Amino acid sequence: MAVDIAVAKAGLEEDDYRIKYYPEKKTFFEQLMKELGQEVSTYWLKRELGDAFPYVKQFQEIKNWQGIQARMPFEMEIK
């Protein structure tokens, strides 16, 4: 394993380092529940908002952007 080679070359002892993996892997059940929850919330939003859903979804995505932005006055969609 690459970590073992790096430890040997650095001359470290077993107690001198530790390995931490990010992000921690979710169980199958946790991942399934998360995806089902997202699908259900999307379904209800689509049902409630109708034709306005794509605009609300886009607005929610824009709210999460950070930093300075330069936006065009239109959205280009390439199919």
PDB file of N, CA and C in Angstrom:
ATOM      1  N   MET A   1       0.844  -1.173   0.000  1.00  0.00           N
ATOM      2  CA  MET A   1       0.000   0.000   0.000  1.00  0.00           C
ATOM      3  C   MET A   1       0.895   1.243   0.000  1.00  0.00           C
ATOM      4  N   ALA A   2       0.462   2.292  -0.630  1.00  0.00           N
ATOM      5  CA  ALA A   2       1.249   3.511  -0.770  1.00  0.00           C
ATOM      6  C   ALA A   2       1.574   4.128   0.583  1.00  0.00           C
ATOM      7  N   VAL A   3       0.654   4.032   1.523  1.00  0.00           N
ATOM      8  CA  VAL A   3       0.897   4.601   2.850  1.00  0.00           C
ATOM      9  C   VAL A   3       2.069   3.892   3.517  1.00  0.00           C
ATOM     10  N   ASP A   4       2.136   2.593   3.396  1.00  0.00           N
ATOM     11  CA  ASP A   4       3.238   1.832   3.998  1.00  0.00           C
ATOM     12  C   ASP A   4       4.578   2.251   3.412  1.00  0.00           C
ATOM     13  N   ILE A   5       4.621   2.477   2.122  1.00  0.00           N
ATOM     14  CA  ILE A   5       5.855   2.908   1.467  1.00  0.00           C
ATOM     15  C   ILE A   5       6.249   4.294   1.964  1.00  0.00           C
ATOM     16  N   ALA A   6       5.277   5.210   2.056  1.00  0.00           N
ATOM     17  CA  ALA A   6       5.556   6.565   2.526  1.00  0.00           C
ATOM     18  C   ALA A   6       6.046   6.556   3.971  1.00  0.00           C
ATOM     19  N   VAL A   7       5.457   5.718   4.808  1.00  0.00           N
ATOM     20  CA  VAL A   7       5.866   5.615   6.214  1.00  0.00           C
ATOM     21  C   VAL A   7       7.300   5.100   6.303  1.00  0.00           C
ATOM     22  N   ALA A   8       7.616   4.089   5.513  1.00  0.00           N
ATOM     23  CA  ALA A   8       8.968   3.527   5.530  1.00  0.00           C
ATOM     24  C   ALA A   8       9.992   4.553   5.076  1.00  0.00           C
ATOM     25  N   LYS A   9       9.679   5.286   4.005  1.00  0.00           N
ATOM     26  CA  LYS A   9      10.626   6.279   3.484  1.00  0.00           C
ATOM     27  C   LYS A   9      10.797   7.454   4.436  1.00  0.00           C
ATOM     28  N   ALA A  10       9.733   7.783   5.193  1.00  0.00           N
ATOM     29  CA  ALA A  10       9.805   8.892   6.145  1.00  0.00           C
ATOM     30  C   ALA A  10      10.460   8.459   7.454  1.00  0.00           C
ATOM     31  N   GLY A  11      10.617   7.164   7.650  1.00  0.00           N
ATOM     32  CA  GLY A  11      11.240   6.664   8.865  1.00  0.00           C
ATOM     33  C   GLY A  11      10.342   6.815  10.085  1.00  0.00           C
ATOM     34  N   LEU A  12       9.042   6.707   9.905  1.00  0.00           N
ATOM     35  CA  LEU A  12       8.099   6.862  11.010  1.00  0.00           C
ATOM     36  C   LEU A  12       7.847   5.528  11.698  1.00  0.00           C
ATOM     37  N   GLU A  13       7.450   5.632  12.941  1.00  0.00           N
ATOM     38  CA  GLU A  13       7.041   4.456  13.701  1.00  0.00           C
ATOM     39  C   GLU A  13       5.532   4.291  13.549  1.00  0.00           C
ATOM     40  N   GLU A  14       5.016   3.151  13.976  1.00  0.00           N
ATOM     41  CA  GLU A  14       3.585   2.859  13.846  1.00  0.00           C
ATOM     42  C   GLU A  14       2.724   3.841  14.640  1.00  0.00           C
ATOM     43  N   ASP A  15       3.225   4.348  15.751  1.00  0.00           N
ATOM     44  CA  ASP A  15       2.455   5.271  16.593  1.00  0.00           C
ATOM     45  C   ASP A  15       2.571   6.724  16.148  1.00  0.00           C
ATOM     46  N   ASP A  16       3.390   7.013  15.138  1.00  0.00           N
ATOM     47  CA  ASP A  16       3.636   8.394  14.722  1.00  0.00           C
ATOM     48  C   ASP A  16       2.615   8.937  13.726  1.00  0.00           C
ATOM     49  N   TYR A  17       1.727   8.129  13.242  1.00  0.00           N
ATOM     50  CA  TYR A  17       0.768   8.594  12.241  1.00  0.00           C
ATOM     51  C   TYR A  17      -0.552   7.852  12.412  1.00  0.00           C
ATOM     52  N   ARG A  18      -1.572   8.391  11.763  1.00  0.00           N
ATOM     53  CA  ARG A  18      -2.877   7.720  11.724  1.00  0.00           C
ATOM     54  C   ARG A  18      -3.534   8.050  10.393  1.00  0.00           C
ATOM     55  N   ILE A  19      -4.443   7.208   9.990  1.00  0.00           N
ATOM     56  CA  ILE A  19      -5.142   7.391   8.717  1.00  0.00           C
ATOM     57  C   ILE A  19      -6.606   7.673   9.006  1.00  0.00           C
ATOM     58  N   LYS A  20      -7.139   8.690   8.359  1.00  0.00           N
ATOM     59  CA  LYS A  20      -8.550   9.044   8.497  1.00  0.00           C
ATOM     60  C   LYS A  20      -9.121   9.178   7.099  1.00  0.00           C
ATOM     61  N   TYR A  21     -10.229   8.526   6.834  1.00  0.00           N
ATOM     62  CA  TYR A  21     -10.864   8.561   5.523  1.00  0.00           C
ATOM     63  C   TYR A  21     -12.058   9.499   5.563  1.00  0.00           C
ATOM     64  N   TYR A  22     -12.125  10.435   4.612  1.00  0.00           N
ATOM     65  CA  TYR A  22     -13.243  11.385   4.523  1.00  0.00           C
ATOM     66  C   TYR A  22     -13.898  11.258   3.173  1.00  0.00           C
ATOM     67  N   PRO A  23     -15.147  11.474   2.988  1.00  0.00           N
ATOM     68  CA  PRO A  23     -16.176  11.424   4.031  1.00  0.00           C
ATOM     69  C   PRO A  23     -16.422   9.982   4.428  1.00  0.00           C
ATOM     70  N   GLU A  24     -16.948   9.800   5.609  1.00  0.00           N
ATOM     71  CA  GLU A  24     -17.239   8.447   6.051  1.00  0.00           C
ATOM     72  C   GLU A  24     -18.353   7.870   5.184  1.00  0.00           C
ATOM     73  N   LYS A  25     -18.193   6.645   4.778  1.00  0.00           N
ATOM     74  CA  LYS A  25     -19.152   6.015   3.884  1.00  0.00           C
ATOM     75  C   LYS A  25     -20.451   5.715   4.631  1.00  0.00           C
ATOM     76  N   LYS A  26     -21.566   6.073   3.999  1.00  0.00           N
ATOM     77  CA  LYS A  26     -22.872   5.800   4.594  1.00  0.00           C
ATOM     78  C   LYS A  26     -23.274   4.368   4.291  1.00  0.00           C
ATOM     79  N   THR A  27     -24.083   3.822   5.176  1.00  0.00           N
ATOM     80  CA  THR A  27     -24.574   2.471   4.943  1.00  0.00           C
ATOM     81  C   THR A  27     -25.555   2.500   3.772  1.00  0.00           C
ATOM     82  N   PHE A  28     -25.833   1.332   3.238  1.00  0.00           N
ATOM     83  CA  PHE A  28     -26.772   1.237   2.127  1.00  0.00           C
ATOM     84  C   PHE A  28     -28.123   1.823   2.518  1.00  0.00           C
ATOM     85  N   PHE A  29     -28.581   1.505   3.729  1.00  0.00           N
ATOM     86  CA  PHE A  29     -29.879   1.980   4.193  1.00  0.00           C
ATOM     87  C   PHE A  29     -29.901   3.510   4.324  1.00  0.00           C
ATOM     88  N   GLU A  30     -28.832   4.101   4.870  1.00  0.00           N
ATOM     89  CA  GLU A  30     -28.755   5.558   5.005  1.00  0.00           C
ATOM     90  C   GLU A  30     -28.793   6.237   3.638  1.00  0.00           C
ATOM     91  N   GLN A  31     -28.046   5.704   2.692  1.00  0.00           N
ATOM     92  CA  GLN A  31     -28.018   6.273   1.345  1.00  0.00           C
ATOM     93  C   GLN A  31     -29.373   6.139   0.665  1.00  0.00           C
ATOM     94  N   LEU A  32     -30.015   4.989   0.827  1.00  0.00           N
ATOM     95  CA  LEU A  32     -31.326   4.757   0.237  1.00  0.00           C
ATOM     96  C   LEU A  32     -32.351   5.742   0.793  1.00  0.00           C
ATOM     97  N   MET A  33     -32.360   5.930   2.103  1.00  0.00           N
ATOM     98  CA  MET A  33     -33.323   6.840   2.727  1.00  0.00           C
ATOM     99  C   MET A  33     -33.078   8.286   2.282  1.00  0.00           C
ATOM    100  N   LYS A  34     -31.828   8.667   2.130  1.00  0.00           N
ATOM    101  CA  LYS A  34     -31.509  10.021   1.680  1.00  0.00           C
ATOM    102  C   LYS A  34     -32.041  10.246   0.266  1.00  0.00           C
ATOM    103  N   GLU A  35     -31.789   9.289  -0.621  1.00  0.00           N
ATOM    104  CA  GLU A  35     -32.237   9.433  -2.006  1.00  0.00           C
ATOM    105  C   GLU A  35     -33.758   9.414  -2.115  1.00  0.00           C
ATOM    106  N   LEU A  36     -34.403   8.544  -1.339  1.00  0.00           N
ATOM    107  CA  LEU A  36     -35.865   8.507  -1.359  1.00  0.00           C
ATOM    108  C   LEU A  36     -36.449   9.807  -0.837  1.00  0.00           C
ATOM    109  N   GLY A  37     -35.845  10.366   0.200  1.00  0.00           N
ATOM    110  CA  GLY A  37     -36.309  11.635   0.750  1.00  0.00           C
ATOM    111  C   GLY A  37     -36.194  12.761  -0.260  1.00  0.00           C
ATOM    112  N   GLN A  38     -35.101  12.781  -1.016  1.00  0.00           N
ATOM    113  CA  GLN A  38     -34.919  13.811  -2.036  1.00  0.00           C
ATOM    114  C   GLN A  38     -35.942  13.642  -3.156  1.00  0.00           C
ATOM    115  N   GLU A  39     -36.201  12.401  -3.552  1.00  0.00           N
ATOM    116  CA  GLU A  39     -37.168  12.167  -4.617  1.00  0.00           C
ATOM    117  C   GLU A  39     -38.571  12.579  -4.186  1.00  0.00           C
ATOM    118  N   VAL A  40     -38.928  12.290  -2.948  1.00  0.00           N
ATOM    119  CA  VAL A  40     -40.256  12.640  -2.451  1.00  0.00           C
ATOM    120  C   VAL A  40     -40.414  14.156  -2.372  1.00  0.00           C
ATOM    121  N   SER A  41     -39.399  14.846  -1.859  1.00  0.00           N
ATOM    122  CA  SER A  41     -39.502  16.302  -1.759  1.00  0.00           C
ATOM    123  C   SER A  41     -39.556  16.936  -3.146  1.00  0.00           C
ATOM    124  N   THR A  42     -38.800  16.404  -4.107  1.00  0.00           N
ATOM    125  CA  THR A  42     -38.844  16.910  -5.473  1.00  0.00           C
ATOM    126  C   THR A  42     -40.226  16.673  -6.089  1.00  0.00           C
ATOM    127  N   TYR A  43     -40.787  15.498  -5.845  1.00  0.00           N
ATOM    128  CA  TYR A  43     -42.114  15.179  -6.369  1.00  0.00           C
ATOM    129  C   TYR A  43     -43.146  16.186  -5.861  1.00  0.00           C
ATOM    130  N   TRP A  44     -43.135  16.464  -4.551  1.00  0.00           N
ATOM    131  CA  TRP A  44     -44.131  17.378  -3.981  1.00  0.00           C
ATOM    132  C   TRP A  44     -43.908  18.806  -4.448  1.00  0.00           C
ATOM    133  N   LEU A  45     -42.652  19.217  -4.592  1.00  0.00           N
ATOM    134  CA  LEU A  45     -42.384  20.560  -5.106  1.00  0.00           C
ATOM    135  C   LEU A  45     -42.900  20.698  -6.533  1.00  0.00           C
ATOM    136  N   LYS A  46     -42.628  19.694  -7.370  1.00  0.00           N
ATOM    137  CA  LYS A  46     -43.123  19.729  -8.746  1.00  0.00           C
ATOM    138  C   LYS A  46     -44.636  19.805  -8.785  1.00  0.00           C
ATOM    139  N   ARG A  47     -45.264  19.033  -7.923  1.00  0.00           N
ATOM    140  CA  ARG A  47     -46.723  18.999  -7.889  1.00  0.00           C
ATOM    141  C   ARG A  47     -47.299  20.343  -7.440  1.00  0.00           C
ATOM    142  N   GLU A  48     -46.699  20.945  -6.431  1.00  0.00           N
ATOM    143  CA  GLU A  48     -47.209  22.214  -5.891  1.00  0.00           C
ATOM    144  C   GLU A  48     -46.906  23.398  -6.813  1.00  0.00           C
ATOM    145  N   LEU A  49     -45.711  23.406  -7.407  1.00  0.00           N
ATOM    146  CA  LEU A  49     -45.289  24.569  -8.181  1.00  0.00           C
ATOM    147  C   LEU A  49     -45.651  24.493  -9.657  1.00  0.00           C
ATOM    148  N   GLY A  50     -45.845  23.299 -10.161  1.00  0.00           N
ATOM    149  CA  GLY A  50     -46.213  23.149 -11.572  1.00  0.00           C
ATOM    150  C   GLY A  50     -45.130  23.673 -12.509  1.00  0.00           C
ATOM    151  N   ASP A  51     -45.509  24.574 -13.409  1.00  0.00           N
ATOM    152  CA  ASP A  51     -44.572  25.102 -14.405  1.00  0.00           C
ATOM    153  C   ASP A  51     -43.483  25.973 -13.794  1.00  0.00           C
ATOM    154  N   ALA A  52     -43.678  26.451 -12.573  1.00  0.00           N
ATOM    155  CA  ALA A  52     -42.682  27.310 -11.926  1.00  0.00           C
ATOM    156  C   ALA A  52     -41.549  26.506 -11.290  1.00  0.00           C
ATOM    157  N   PHE A  53     -41.665  25.182 -11.238  1.00  0.00           N
ATOM    158  CA  PHE A  53     -40.663  24.351 -10.564  1.00  0.00           C
ATOM    159  C   PHE A  53     -39.244  24.559 -11.081  1.00  0.00           C
ATOM    160  N   PRO A  54     -38.986  24.563 -12.398  1.00  0.00           N
ATOM    161  CA  PRO A  54     -37.599  24.742 -12.865  1.00  0.00           C
ATOM    162  C   PRO A  54     -36.983  26.059 -12.389  1.00  0.00           C
ATOM    163  N   TYR A  55     -37.778  27.107 -12.305  1.00  0.00           N
ATOM    164  CA  TYR A  55     -37.263  28.401 -11.870  1.00  0.00           C
ATOM    165  C   TYR A  55     -36.937  28.400 -10.379  1.00  0.00           C
ATOM    166  N   VAL A  56     -37.778  27.765  -9.593  1.00  0.00           N
ATOM    167  CA  VAL A  56     -37.528  27.678  -8.151  1.00  0.00           C
ATOM    168  C   VAL A  56     -36.300  26.812  -7.893  1.00  0.00           C
ATOM    169  N   LYS A  57     -36.175  25.720  -8.621  1.00  0.00           N
ATOM    170  CA  LYS A  57     -35.012  24.842  -8.476  1.00  0.00           C
ATOM    171  C   LYS A  57     -33.729  25.603  -8.816  1.00  0.00           C
ATOM    172  N   GLN A  58     -33.756  26.362  -9.893  1.00  0.00           N
ATOM    173  CA  GLN A  58     -32.591  27.143 -10.287  1.00  0.00           C
ATOM    174  C   GLN A  58     -32.270  28.198  -9.236  1.00  0.00           C
ATOM    175  N   PHE A  59     -33.285  28.852  -8.686  1.00  0.00           N
ATOM    176  CA  PHE A  59     -33.068  29.853  -7.649  1.00  0.00           C
ATOM    177  C   PHE A  59     -32.430  29.224  -6.413  1.00  0.00           C
ATOM    178  N   GLN A  60     -32.869  28.032  -6.029  1.00  0.00           N
ATOM    179  CA  GLN A  60     -32.293  27.345  -4.879  1.00  0.00           C
ATOM    180  C   GLN A  60     -30.822  27.030  -5.113  1.00  0.00           C
ATOM    181  N   GLU A  61     -30.461  26.655  -6.331  1.00  0.00           N
ATOM    182  CA  GLU A  61     -29.065  26.379  -6.652  1.00  0.00           C
ATOM    183  C   GLU A  61     -28.235  27.654  -6.593  1.00  0.00           C
ATOM    184  N   ILE A  62     -28.770  28.757  -7.104  1.00  0.00           N
ATOM    185  CA  ILE A  62     -28.049  30.027  -7.110  1.00  0.00           C
ATOM    186  C   ILE A  62     -27.796  30.518  -5.691  1.00  0.00           C
ATOM    187  N   LYS A  63     -28.733  30.273  -4.785  1.00  0.00           N
ATOM    188  CA  LYS A  63     -28.565  30.708  -3.396  1.00  0.00           C
ATOM    189  C   LYS A  63     -27.334  30.075  -2.755  1.00  0.00           C
ATOM    190  N   ASN A  64     -26.953  28.904  -3.192  1.00  0.00           N
ATOM    191  CA  ASN A  64     -25.811  28.201  -2.605  1.00  0.00           C
ATOM    192  C   ASN A  64     -24.472  28.616  -3.191  1.00  0.00           C
ATOM    193  N   TRP A  65     -24.469  29.348  -4.285  1.00  0.00           N
ATOM    194  CA  TRP A  65     -23.220  29.787  -4.888  1.00  0.00           C
ATOM    195  C   TRP A  65     -22.569  30.821  -3.993  1.00  0.00           C
ATOM    196  N   GLN A  66     -21.259  30.875  -4.018  1.00  0.00           N
ATOM    197  CA  GLN A  66     -20.534  31.837  -3.198  1.00  0.00           C
ATOM    198  C   GLN A  66     -19.571  32.620  -4.073  1.00  0.00           C
ATOM    199  N   GLY A  67     -19.181  33.774  -3.588  1.00  0.00           N
ATOM    200  CA  GLY A  67     -18.209  34.591  -4.293  1.00  0.00           C
ATOM    201  C   GLY A  67     -18.855  35.514  -5.312  1.00  0.00           C
ATOM    202  N   ILE A  68     -18.021  36.232  -6.014  1.00  0.00           N
ATOM    203  CA  ILE A  68     -18.476  37.177  -7.029  1.00  0.00           C
ATOM    204  C   ILE A  68     -18.936  36.397  -8.251  1.00  0.00           C
ATOM    205  N   GLN A  69     -20.053  36.835  -8.827  1.00  0.00           N
ATOM    206  CA  GLN A  69     -20.617  36.130  -9.975  1.00  0.00           C
ATOM    207  C   GLN A  69     -20.938  37.115 -11.088  1.00  0.00           C
ATOM    208  N   ALA A  70     -20.767  36.682 -12.302  1.00  0.00           N
ATOM    209  CA  ALA A  70     -21.198  37.437 -13.476  1.00  0.00           C
ATOM    210  C   ALA A  70     -22.250  36.576 -14.162  1.00  0.00           C
ATOM    211  N   ARG A  71     -23.465  37.069 -14.248  1.00  0.00           N
ATOM    212  CA  ARG A  71     -24.565  36.279 -14.794  1.00  0.00           C
ATOM    213  C   ARG A  71     -25.047  36.880 -16.104  1.00  0.00           C
ATOM    214  N   MET A  72     -25.433  36.019 -17.009  1.00  0.00           N
ATOM    215  CA  MET A  72     -26.038  36.452 -18.254  1.00  0.00           C
ATOM    216  C   MET A  72     -27.523  36.689 -18.005  1.00  0.00           C
ATOM    217  N   PRO A  73     -28.172  37.554 -18.783  1.00  0.00           N
ATOM    218  CA  PRO A  73     -29.594  37.817 -18.560  1.00  0.00           C
ATOM    219  C   PRO A  73     -30.493  36.716 -19.130  1.00  0.00           C
ATOM    220  N   PHE A  74     -29.904  35.578 -19.495  1.00  0.00           N
ATOM    221  CA  PHE A  74     -30.671  34.466 -20.021  1.00  0.00           C
ATOM    222  C   PHE A  74     -29.952  33.178 -19.673  1.00  0.00           C
ATOM    223  N   GLU A  75     -30.633  32.068 -19.797  1.00  0.00           N
ATOM    224  CA  GLU A  75     -30.043  30.750 -19.565  1.00  0.00           C
ATOM    225  C   GLU A  75     -29.916  30.049 -20.905  1.00  0.00           C
ATOM    226  N   MET A  76     -28.732  29.529 -21.207  1.00  0.00           N
ATOM    227  CA  MET A  76     -28.500  28.805 -22.444  1.00  0.00           C
ATOM    228  C   MET A  76     -28.585  27.315 -22.148  1.00  0.00           C
ATOM    229  N   GLU A  77     -29.382  26.609 -22.891  1.00  0.00           N
ATOM    230  CA  GLU A  77     -29.518  25.173 -22.723  1.00  0.00           C
ATOM    231  C   GLU A  77     -29.146  24.497 -24.028  1.00  0.00           C
ATOM    232  N   ILE A  78     -28.116  23.663 -23.980  1.00  0.00           N
ATOM    233  CA  ILE A  78     -27.648  22.961 -25.171  1.00  0.00           C
ATOM    234  C   ILE A  78     -28.126  21.519 -25.077  1.00  0.00           C
ATOM    235  N   LYS A  79     -28.847  21.075 -26.106  1.00  0.00           N
ATOM    236  CA  LYS A  79     -29.352  19.696 -26.123  1.00  0.00           C
ATOM    237  C   LYS A  79     -28.645  18.907 -27.181  1.00  0.00           C
TER     238      LYS A  79
END
